[in-house]
């Protein structure tokens, strides 16, 4: 029984961390006046709408004042294996520098 509880805790922690990653992505998009839905769709065109992304976009939890650094976001996305989204974000970073 104890192993099941540990497994559940690990799964819950991953979900919380994943939600934080999505929140950082959404906030970064807000910082640069970009639509997170469009960027996500560019990264994952074959996937349906991401439920967690929609939840984070719809919730207003006071993250608006936080500025997310480009490198921080790229690192977090890659840490979670969102390489396609990291590529799209990197492309947007390059566009903004031009």
PDB file of N, CA and C in Angstrom:
ATOM      1  N   UNK A   1       0.812  -1.194   0.000  1.00  0.00           N
ATOM      2  CA  UNK A   1       0.000   0.000   0.000  1.00  0.00           C
ATOM      3  C   UNK A   1       0.861   1.265   0.000  1.00  0.00           C
ATOM      4  N   UNK A   2       1.972   1.230   0.692  1.00  0.00           N
ATOM      5  CA  UNK A   2       2.823   2.409   0.770  1.00  0.00           C
ATOM      6  C   UNK A   2       3.374   2.789  -0.598  1.00  0.00           C
ATOM      7  N   UNK A   3       3.699   1.803  -1.439  1.00  0.00           N
ATOM      8  CA  UNK A   3       4.225   2.093  -2.771  1.00  0.00           C
ATOM      9  C   UNK A   3       3.186   2.792  -3.625  1.00  0.00           C
ATOM     10  N   UNK A   4       1.932   2.381  -3.482  1.00  0.00           N
ATOM     11  CA  UNK A   4       0.868   3.021  -4.249  1.00  0.00           C
ATOM     12  C   UNK A   4       0.773   4.492  -3.862  1.00  0.00           C
ATOM     13  N   UNK A   5       0.862   4.788  -2.587  1.00  0.00           N
ATOM     14  CA  UNK A   5       0.800   6.155  -2.109  1.00  0.00           C
ATOM     15  C   UNK A   5       1.969   6.976  -2.654  1.00  0.00           C
ATOM     16  N   UNK A   6       3.151   6.412  -2.668  1.00  0.00           N
ATOM     17  CA  UNK A   6       4.330   7.091  -3.207  1.00  0.00           C
ATOM     18  C   UNK A   6       4.141   7.337  -4.699  1.00  0.00           C
ATOM     19  N   UNK A   7       3.657   6.347  -5.432  1.00  0.00           N
ATOM     20  CA  UNK A   7       3.392   6.519  -6.864  1.00  0.00           C
ATOM     21  C   UNK A   7       2.402   7.647  -7.106  1.00  0.00           C
ATOM     22  N   UNK A   8       1.354   7.678  -6.297  1.00  0.00           N
ATOM     23  CA  UNK A   8       0.348   8.735  -6.436  1.00  0.00           C
ATOM     24  C   UNK A   8       0.951  10.105  -6.143  1.00  0.00           C
ATOM     25  N   UNK A   9       1.831  10.172  -5.157  1.00  0.00           N
ATOM     26  CA  UNK A   9       2.488  11.437  -4.822  1.00  0.00           C
ATOM     27  C   UNK A   9       3.392  11.902  -5.960  1.00  0.00           C
ATOM     28  N   UNK A  10       4.121  10.971  -6.555  1.00  0.00           N
ATOM     29  CA  UNK A  10       5.001  11.308  -7.673  1.00  0.00           C
ATOM     30  C   UNK A  10       4.182  11.814  -8.854  1.00  0.00           C
ATOM     31  N   UNK A  11       3.097  11.132  -9.156  1.00  0.00           N
ATOM     32  CA  UNK A  11       2.223  11.545 -10.257  1.00  0.00           C
ATOM     33  C   UNK A  11       1.641  12.924  -9.980  1.00  0.00           C
ATOM     34  N   UNK A  12       1.176  13.152  -8.768  1.00  0.00           N
ATOM     35  CA  UNK A  12       0.606  14.456  -8.400  1.00  0.00           C
ATOM     36  C   UNK A  12       1.655  15.564  -8.522  1.00  0.00           C
ATOM     37  N   UNK A  13       2.864  15.303  -8.064  1.00  0.00           N
ATOM     38  CA  UNK A  13       3.941  16.299  -8.139  1.00  0.00           C
ATOM     39  C   UNK A  13       4.267  16.624  -9.591  1.00  0.00           C
ATOM     40  N   UNK A  14       4.299  15.611 -10.452  1.00  0.00           N
ATOM     41  CA  UNK A  14       4.573  15.839 -11.871  1.00  0.00           C
ATOM     42  C   UNK A  14       3.485  16.709 -12.482  1.00  0.00           C
ATOM     43  N   UNK A  15       2.223  16.423 -12.152  1.00  0.00           N
ATOM     44  CA  UNK A  15       1.113  17.211 -12.685  1.00  0.00           C
ATOM     45  C   UNK A  15       1.208  18.665 -12.228  1.00  0.00           C
ATOM     46  N   UNK A  16       1.573  18.869 -10.971  1.00  0.00           N
ATOM     47  CA  UNK A  16       1.736  20.226 -10.456  1.00  0.00           C
ATOM     48  C   UNK A  16       2.867  20.945 -11.175  1.00  0.00           C
ATOM     49  N   UNK A  17       3.975  20.256 -11.379  1.00  0.00           N
ATOM     50  CA  UNK A  17       5.110  20.846 -12.082  1.00  0.00           C
ATOM     51  C   UNK A  17       4.750  21.148 -13.535  1.00  0.00           C
ATOM     52  N   UNK A  18       4.003  20.247 -14.158  1.00  0.00           N
ATOM     53  CA  UNK A  18       3.579  20.449 -15.533  1.00  0.00           C
ATOM     54  C   UNK A  18       2.656  21.667 -15.636  1.00  0.00           C
ATOM     55  N   UNK A  19       1.776  21.826 -14.672  1.00  0.00           N
ATOM     56  CA  UNK A  19       0.893  22.992 -14.656  1.00  0.00           C
ATOM     57  C   UNK A  19       1.707  24.270 -14.508  1.00  0.00           C
ATOM     58  N   UNK A  20       2.730  24.239 -13.675  1.00  0.00           N
ATOM     59  CA  UNK A  20       3.605  25.401 -13.527  1.00  0.00           C
ATOM     60  C   UNK A  20       4.292  25.715 -14.852  1.00  0.00           C
ATOM     61  N   UNK A  21       4.745  24.692 -15.564  1.00  0.00           N
ATOM     62  CA  UNK A  21       5.375  24.899 -16.867  1.00  0.00           C
ATOM     63  C   UNK A  21       4.401  25.578 -17.823  1.00  0.00           C
ATOM     64  N   UNK A  22       3.151  25.129 -17.834  1.00  0.00           N
ATOM     65  CA  UNK A  22       2.140  25.730 -18.706  1.00  0.00           C
ATOM     66  C   UNK A  22       1.890  27.178 -18.282  1.00  0.00           C
ATOM     67  N   UNK A  23       1.827  27.423 -16.989  1.00  0.00           N
ATOM     68  CA  UNK A  23       1.629  28.794 -16.496  1.00  0.00           C
ATOM     69  C   UNK A  23       2.775  29.696 -16.937  1.00  0.00           C
ATOM     70  N   UNK A  24       3.990  29.204 -16.861  1.00  0.00           N
ATOM     71  CA  UNK A  24       5.145  29.999 -17.304  1.00  0.00           C
ATOM     72  C   UNK A  24       5.056  30.303 -18.796  1.00  0.00           C
ATOM     73  N   UNK A  25       4.661  29.312 -19.582  1.00  0.00           N
ATOM     74  CA  UNK A  25       4.504  29.507 -21.027  1.00  0.00           C
ATOM     75  C   UNK A  25       3.436  30.553 -21.314  1.00  0.00           C
ATOM     76  N   UNK A  26       2.286  30.436 -20.660  1.00  0.00           N
ATOM     77  CA  UNK A  26       1.195  31.387 -20.878  1.00  0.00           C
ATOM     78  C   UNK A  26       1.622  32.793 -20.456  1.00  0.00           C
ATOM     79  N   UNK A  27       2.319  32.905 -19.337  1.00  0.00           N
ATOM     80  CA  UNK A  27       2.774  34.216 -18.878  1.00  0.00           C
ATOM     81  C   UNK A  27       3.803  34.797 -19.833  1.00  0.00           C
ATOM     82  N   UNK A  28       4.716  33.964 -20.329  1.00  0.00           N
ATOM     83  CA  UNK A  28       5.711  34.437 -21.291  1.00  0.00           C
ATOM     84  C   UNK A  28       4.999  34.978 -22.531  1.00  0.00           C
ATOM     85  N   UNK A  29       3.985  34.261 -22.994  1.00  0.00           N
ATOM     86  CA  UNK A  29       3.211  34.729 -24.150  1.00  0.00           C
ATOM     87  C   UNK A  29       2.565  36.078 -23.846  1.00  0.00           C
ATOM     88  N   UNK A  30       2.014  36.228 -22.649  1.00  0.00           N
ATOM     89  CA  UNK A  30       1.393  37.505 -22.265  1.00  0.00           C
ATOM     90  C   UNK A  30       2.429  38.618 -22.234  1.00  0.00           C
ATOM     91  N   UNK A  31       3.632  38.313 -21.744  1.00  0.00           N
ATOM     92  CA  UNK A  31       4.701  39.311 -21.691  1.00  0.00           C
ATOM     93  C   UNK A  31       5.046  39.848 -23.077  1.00  0.00           C
ATOM     94  N   UNK A  32       4.928  39.004 -24.092  1.00  0.00           N
ATOM     95  CA  UNK A  32       5.317  39.381 -25.449  1.00  0.00           C
ATOM     96  C   UNK A  32       4.115  39.538 -26.380  1.00  0.00           C
ATOM     97  N   UNK A  33       2.917  39.622 -25.790  1.00  0.00           N
ATOM     98  CA  UNK A  33       1.679  39.837 -26.540  1.00  0.00           C
ATOM     99  C   UNK A  33       1.499  38.782 -27.642  1.00  0.00           C
ATOM    100  N   UNK A  34       1.702  37.521 -27.266  1.00  0.00           N
ATOM    101  CA  UNK A  34       1.539  36.393 -28.182  1.00  0.00           C
ATOM    102  C   UNK A  34       0.387  35.520 -27.695  1.00  0.00           C
ATOM    103  N   UNK A  35      -0.278  34.853 -28.620  1.00  0.00           N
ATOM    104  CA  UNK A  35      -1.385  33.967 -28.275  1.00  0.00           C
ATOM    105  C   UNK A  35      -0.838  32.566 -27.998  1.00  0.00           C
ATOM    106  N   UNK A  36      -0.925  32.081 -26.759  1.00  0.00           N
ATOM    107  CA  UNK A  36      -0.371  30.762 -26.441  1.00  0.00           C
ATOM    108  C   UNK A  36      -1.056  29.635 -27.219  1.00  0.00           C
ATOM    109  N   UNK A  37      -2.335  29.799 -27.533  1.00  0.00           N
ATOM    110  CA  UNK A  37      -3.042  28.764 -28.297  1.00  0.00           C
ATOM    111  C   UNK A  37      -2.445  28.621 -29.695  1.00  0.00           C
ATOM    112  N   UNK A  38      -2.140  29.748 -30.324  1.00  0.00           N
ATOM    113  CA  UNK A  38      -1.573  29.720 -31.681  1.00  0.00           C
ATOM    114  C   UNK A  38      -0.186  29.089 -31.664  1.00  0.00           C
ATOM    115  N   UNK A  39       0.638  29.481 -30.708  1.00  0.00           N
ATOM    116  CA  UNK A  39       1.988  28.906 -30.637  1.00  0.00           C
ATOM    117  C   UNK A  39       1.921  27.409 -30.364  1.00  0.00           C
ATOM    118  N   UNK A  40       1.042  27.008 -29.455  1.00  0.00           N
ATOM    119  CA  UNK A  40       0.902  25.588 -29.150  1.00  0.00           C
ATOM    120  C   UNK A  40       0.444  24.819 -30.382  1.00  0.00           C
ATOM    121  N   UNK A  41      -0.492  25.385 -31.116  1.00  0.00           N
ATOM    122  CA  UNK A  41      -1.004  24.722 -32.325  1.00  0.00           C
ATOM    123  C   UNK A  41       0.076  24.616 -33.391  1.00  0.00           C
ATOM    124  N   UNK A  42       0.939  25.635 -33.488  1.00  0.00           N
ATOM    125  CA  UNK A  42       2.065  25.563 -34.435  1.00  0.00           C
ATOM    126  C   UNK A  42       3.025  24.439 -34.056  1.00  0.00           C
ATOM    127  N   UNK A  43       3.228  24.265 -32.754  1.00  0.00           N
ATOM    128  CA  UNK A  43       4.152  23.233 -32.282  1.00  0.00           C
ATOM    129  C   UNK A  43       3.563  21.836 -32.419  1.00  0.00           C
ATOM    130  N   UNK A  44       2.274  21.718 -32.173  1.00  0.00           N
ATOM    131  CA  UNK A  44       1.614  20.410 -32.157  1.00  0.00           C
ATOM    132  C   UNK A  44       0.335  20.457 -33.009  1.00  0.00           C
ATOM    133  N   UNK A  45       0.466  20.577 -34.325  1.00  0.00           N
ATOM    134  CA  UNK A  45      -0.708  20.754 -35.189  1.00  0.00           C
ATOM    135  C   UNK A  45      -1.667  19.566 -35.195  1.00  0.00           C
ATOM    136  N   UNK A  46      -1.183  18.390 -34.903  1.00  0.00           N
ATOM    137  CA  UNK A  46      -2.043  17.198 -34.954  1.00  0.00           C
ATOM    138  C   UNK A  46      -2.775  16.942 -33.635  1.00  0.00           C
ATOM    139  N   UNK A  47      -2.424  17.690 -32.598  1.00  0.00           N
ATOM    140  CA  UNK A  47      -3.039  17.459 -31.290  1.00  0.00           C
ATOM    141  C   UNK A  47      -4.300  18.295 -31.126  1.00  0.00           C
ATOM    142  N   UNK A  48      -5.265  17.782 -30.382  1.00  0.00           N
ATOM    143  CA  UNK A  48      -6.451  18.594 -30.060  1.00  0.00           C
ATOM    144  C   UNK A  48      -6.075  19.692 -29.067  1.00  0.00           C
ATOM    145  N   UNK A  49      -7.022  20.530 -28.772  1.00  0.00           N
ATOM    146  CA  UNK A  49      -6.803  21.597 -27.803  1.00  0.00           C
ATOM    147  C   UNK A  49      -6.310  20.993 -26.491  1.00  0.00           C
ATOM    148  N   UNK A  50      -5.292  21.595 -25.919  1.00  0.00           N
ATOM    149  CA  UNK A  50      -4.713  21.116 -24.669  1.00  0.00           C
ATOM    150  C   UNK A  50      -5.553  21.626 -23.499  1.00  0.00           C
ATOM    151  N   UNK A  51      -6.150  20.699 -22.758  1.00  0.00           N
ATOM    152  CA  UNK A  51      -7.027  21.051 -21.649  1.00  0.00           C
ATOM    153  C   UNK A  51      -6.329  21.848 -20.564  1.00  0.00           C
ATOM    154  N   UNK A  52      -5.129  21.455 -20.223  1.00  0.00           N
ATOM    155  CA  UNK A  52      -4.400  22.166 -19.164  1.00  0.00           C
ATOM    156  C   UNK A  52      -4.059  23.588 -19.621  1.00  0.00           C
ATOM    157  N   UNK A  53      -3.696  23.747 -20.892  1.00  0.00           N
ATOM    158  CA  UNK A  53      -3.420  25.071 -21.435  1.00  0.00           C
ATOM    159  C   UNK A  53      -4.669  25.950 -21.320  1.00  0.00           C
ATOM    160  N   UNK A  54      -5.807  25.400 -21.689  1.00  0.00           N
ATOM    161  CA  UNK A  54      -7.059  26.155 -21.612  1.00  0.00           C
ATOM    162  C   UNK A  54      -7.386  26.538 -20.168  1.00  0.00           C
ATOM    163  N   UNK A  55      -7.184  25.610 -19.238  1.00  0.00           N
ATOM    164  CA  UNK A  55      -7.447  25.892 -17.822  1.00  0.00           C
ATOM    165  C   UNK A  55      -6.589  27.054 -17.327  1.00  0.00           C
ATOM    166  N   UNK A  56      -5.312  27.023 -17.687  1.00  0.00           N
ATOM    167  CA  UNK A  56      -4.392  28.065 -17.225  1.00  0.00           C
ATOM    168  C   UNK A  56      -4.750  29.410 -17.858  1.00  0.00           C
ATOM    169  N   UNK A  57      -5.091  29.401 -19.141  1.00  0.00           N
ATOM    170  CA  UNK A  57      -5.454  30.646 -19.818  1.00  0.00           C
ATOM    171  C   UNK A  57      -6.698  31.254 -19.174  1.00  0.00           C
ATOM    172  N   UNK A  58      -7.659  30.408 -18.858  1.00  0.00           N
ATOM    173  CA  UNK A  58      -8.923  30.892 -18.297  1.00  0.00           C
ATOM    174  C   UNK A  58      -8.797  31.346 -16.850  1.00  0.00           C
ATOM    175  N   UNK A  59      -7.839  30.790 -16.114  1.00  0.00           N
ATOM    176  CA  UNK A  59      -7.683  31.184 -14.707  1.00  0.00           C
ATOM    177  C   UNK A  59      -6.825  32.443 -14.634  1.00  0.00           C
ATOM    178  N   UNK A  60      -7.189  33.325 -13.768  1.00  0.00           N
ATOM    179  CA  UNK A  60      -6.410  34.542 -13.543  1.00  0.00           C
ATOM    180  C   UNK A  60      -5.917  34.477 -12.114  1.00  0.00           C
ATOM    181  N   UNK A  61      -4.659  34.121 -11.958  1.00  0.00           N
ATOM    182  CA  UNK A  61      -4.144  33.902 -10.609  1.00  0.00           C
ATOM    183  C   UNK A  61      -3.036  34.876 -10.226  1.00  0.00           C
ATOM    184  N   UNK A  62      -3.044  36.047 -10.831  1.00  0.00           N
ATOM    185  CA  UNK A  62      -2.098  37.067 -10.420  1.00  0.00           C
ATOM    186  C   UNK A  62      -0.685  36.897 -10.946  1.00  0.00           C
ATOM    187  N   UNK A  63      -0.502  36.105 -11.952  1.00  0.00           N
ATOM    188  CA  UNK A  63       0.818  35.901 -12.526  1.00  0.00           C
ATOM    189  C   UNK A  63       1.221  37.059 -13.440  1.00  0.00           C
ATOM    190  N   UNK A  64       0.298  37.979 -13.698  1.00  0.00           N
ATOM    191  CA  UNK A  64       0.506  39.016 -14.698  1.00  0.00           C
ATOM    192  C   UNK A  64       1.742  39.876 -14.482  1.00  0.00           C
ATOM    193  N   UNK A  65       2.145  40.045 -13.272  1.00  0.00           N
ATOM    194  CA  UNK A  65       3.268  40.928 -12.974  1.00  0.00           C
ATOM    195  C   UNK A  65       4.633  40.260 -13.194  1.00  0.00           C
ATOM    196  N   UNK A  66       4.648  38.985 -13.410  1.00  0.00           N
ATOM    197  CA  UNK A  66       5.895  38.241 -13.515  1.00  0.00           C
ATOM    198  C   UNK A  66       6.435  38.260 -14.938  1.00  0.00           C
ATOM    199  N   UNK A  67       7.696  38.641 -15.098  1.00  0.00           N
ATOM    200  CA  UNK A  67       8.338  38.597 -16.411  1.00  0.00           C
ATOM    201  C   UNK A  67       9.151  37.303 -16.511  1.00  0.00           C
ATOM    202  N   UNK A  68       8.856  36.512 -17.532  1.00  0.00           N
ATOM    203  CA  UNK A  68       9.544  35.234 -17.731  1.00  0.00           C
ATOM    204  C   UNK A  68      10.665  35.435 -18.739  1.00  0.00           C
ATOM    205  N   UNK A  69      11.875  35.128 -18.340  1.00  0.00           N
ATOM    206  CA  UNK A  69      13.047  35.237 -19.199  1.00  0.00           C
ATOM    207  C   UNK A  69      12.982  34.196 -20.313  1.00  0.00           C
ATOM    208  N   UNK A  70      13.430  34.566 -21.501  1.00  0.00           N
ATOM    209  CA  UNK A  70      13.416  33.650 -22.654  1.00  0.00           C
ATOM    210  C   UNK A  70      14.132  32.339 -22.366  1.00  0.00           C
ATOM    211  N   UNK A  71      15.324  32.434 -21.834  1.00  0.00           N
ATOM    212  CA  UNK A  71      16.116  31.232 -21.572  1.00  0.00           C
ATOM    213  C   UNK A  71      15.479  30.341 -20.516  1.00  0.00           C
ATOM    214  N   UNK A  72      14.879  30.949 -19.520  1.00  0.00           N
ATOM    215  CA  UNK A  72      14.204  30.169 -18.478  1.00  0.00           C
ATOM    216  C   UNK A  72      13.073  29.359 -19.082  1.00  0.00           C
ATOM    217  N   UNK A  73      12.253  30.011 -19.912  1.00  0.00           N
ATOM    218  CA  UNK A  73      11.147  29.296 -20.532  1.00  0.00           C
ATOM    219  C   UNK A  73      11.654  28.166 -21.415  1.00  0.00           C
ATOM    220  N   UNK A  74      12.660  28.433 -22.225  1.00  0.00           N
ATOM    221  CA  UNK A  74      13.202  27.382 -23.096  1.00  0.00           C
ATOM    222  C   UNK A  74      13.722  26.202 -22.275  1.00  0.00           C
ATOM    223  N   UNK A  75      14.419  26.496 -21.201  1.00  0.00           N
ATOM    224  CA  UNK A  75      14.947  25.428 -20.338  1.00  0.00           C
ATOM    225  C   UNK A  75      13.816  24.594 -19.735  1.00  0.00           C
ATOM    226  N   UNK A  76      12.770  25.258 -19.244  1.00  0.00           N
ATOM    227  CA  UNK A  76      11.652  24.547 -18.622  1.00  0.00           C
ATOM    228  C   UNK A  76      10.928  23.683 -19.657  1.00  0.00           C
ATOM    229  N   UNK A  77      10.673  24.238 -20.833  1.00  0.00           N
ATOM    230  CA  UNK A  77       9.993  23.465 -21.882  1.00  0.00           C
ATOM    231  C   UNK A  77      10.800  22.229 -22.250  1.00  0.00           C
ATOM    232  N   UNK A  78      12.095  22.392 -22.407  1.00  0.00           N
ATOM    233  CA  UNK A  78      12.938  21.248 -22.770  1.00  0.00           C
ATOM    234  C   UNK A  78      13.031  20.241 -21.637  1.00  0.00           C
ATOM    235  N   UNK A  79      13.023  20.708 -20.406  1.00  0.00           N
ATOM    236  CA  UNK A  79      13.073  19.804 -19.262  1.00  0.00           C
ATOM    237  C   UNK A  79      11.855  18.874 -19.254  1.00  0.00           C
ATOM    238  N   UNK A  80      10.725  19.374 -19.725  1.00  0.00           N
ATOM    239  CA  UNK A  80       9.509  18.575 -19.779  1.00  0.00           C
ATOM    240  C   UNK A  80       9.329  17.869 -21.117  1.00  0.00           C
ATOM    241  N   UNK A  81      10.336  17.934 -21.978  1.00  0.00           N
ATOM    242  CA  UNK A  81      10.271  17.228 -23.249  1.00  0.00           C
ATOM    243  C   UNK A  81       9.410  17.907 -24.298  1.00  0.00           C
ATOM    244  N   UNK A  82       9.111  19.178 -24.103  1.00  0.00           N
ATOM    245  CA  UNK A  82       8.326  19.923 -25.083  1.00  0.00           C
ATOM    246  C   UNK A  82       9.243  20.603 -26.095  1.00  0.00           C
ATOM    247  N   UNK A  83      10.033  19.775 -26.765  1.00  0.00           N
ATOM    248  CA  UNK A  83      11.020  20.304 -27.699  1.00  0.00           C
ATOM    249  C   UNK A  83      10.384  21.029 -28.877  1.00  0.00           C
ATOM    250  N   UNK A  84       9.253  20.531 -29.363  1.00  0.00           N
ATOM    251  CA  UNK A  84       8.589  21.196 -30.487  1.00  0.00           C
ATOM    252  C   UNK A  84       8.099  22.584 -30.082  1.00  0.00           C
ATOM    253  N   UNK A  85       7.553  22.695 -28.893  1.00  0.00           N
ATOM    254  CA  UNK A  85       7.097  23.996 -28.416  1.00  0.00           C
ATOM    255  C   UNK A  85       8.296  24.906 -28.148  1.00  0.00           C
ATOM    256  N   UNK A  86       9.361  24.359 -27.623  1.00  0.00           N
ATOM    257  CA  UNK A  86      10.578  25.143 -27.392  1.00  0.00           C
ATOM    258  C   UNK A  86      11.113  25.682 -28.726  1.00  0.00           C
ATOM    259  N   UNK A  87      11.032  24.891 -29.778  1.00  0.00           N
ATOM    260  CA  UNK A  87      11.477  25.333 -31.099  1.00  0.00           C
ATOM    261  C   UNK A  87      10.635  26.513 -31.579  1.00  0.00           C
ATOM    262  N   UNK A  88       9.306  26.420 -31.407  1.00  0.00           N
ATOM    263  CA  UNK A  88       8.405  27.506 -31.817  1.00  0.00           C
ATOM    264  C   UNK A  88       8.695  28.761 -30.994  1.00  0.00           C
ATOM    265  N   UNK A  89       8.909  28.602 -29.703  1.00  0.00           N
ATOM    266  CA  UNK A  89       9.241  29.744 -28.842  1.00  0.00           C
ATOM    267  C   UNK A  89      10.561  30.369 -29.280  1.00  0.00           C
ATOM    268  N   UNK A  90      11.559  29.542 -29.548  1.00  0.00           N
ATOM    269  CA  UNK A  90      12.852  30.063 -30.013  1.00  0.00           C
ATOM    270  C   UNK A  90      12.688  30.830 -31.318  1.00  0.00           C
ATOM    271  N   UNK A  91      11.831  30.350 -32.192  1.00  0.00           N
ATOM    272  CA  UNK A  91      11.551  31.034 -33.455  1.00  0.00           C
ATOM    273  C   UNK A  91      10.940  32.414 -33.179  1.00  0.00           C
ATOM    274  N   UNK A  92      10.013  32.472 -32.233  1.00  0.00           N
ATOM    275  CA  UNK A  92       9.396  33.758 -31.875  1.00  0.00           C
ATOM    276  C   UNK A  92      10.421  34.708 -31.258  1.00  0.00           C
ATOM    277  N   UNK A  93      11.333  34.181 -30.471  1.00  0.00           N
ATOM    278  CA  UNK A  93      12.386  34.998 -29.875  1.00  0.00           C
ATOM    279  C   UNK A  93      13.241  35.608 -30.972  1.00  0.00           C
ATOM    280  N   UNK A  94      13.586  34.791 -31.953  1.00  0.00           N
ATOM    281  CA  UNK A  94      14.394  35.306 -33.070  1.00  0.00           C
ATOM    282  C   UNK A  94      13.638  36.369 -33.857  1.00  0.00           C
ATOM    283  N   UNK A  95      12.353  36.142 -34.094  1.00  0.00           N
ATOM    284  CA  UNK A  95      11.535  37.136 -34.815  1.00  0.00           C
ATOM    285  C   UNK A  95      11.511  38.462 -34.073  1.00  0.00           C
ATOM    286  N   UNK A  96      11.423  38.414 -32.758  1.00  0.00           N
ATOM    287  CA  UNK A  96      11.327  39.649 -31.982  1.00  0.00           C
ATOM    288  C   UNK A  96      12.634  40.425 -31.991  1.00  0.00           C
ATOM    289  N   UNK A  97      13.737  39.745 -32.256  1.00  0.00           N
ATOM    290  CA  UNK A  97      15.044  40.414 -32.291  1.00  0.00           C
ATOM    291  C   UNK A  97      15.291  41.134 -33.606  1.00  0.00           C
ATOM    292  N   UNK A  98      14.502  40.819 -34.608  1.00  0.00           N
ATOM    293  CA  UNK A  98      14.702  41.426 -35.930  1.00  0.00           C
ATOM    294  C   UNK A  98      14.047  42.775 -36.024  1.00  0.00           C
TER     295      UNK A  98
END
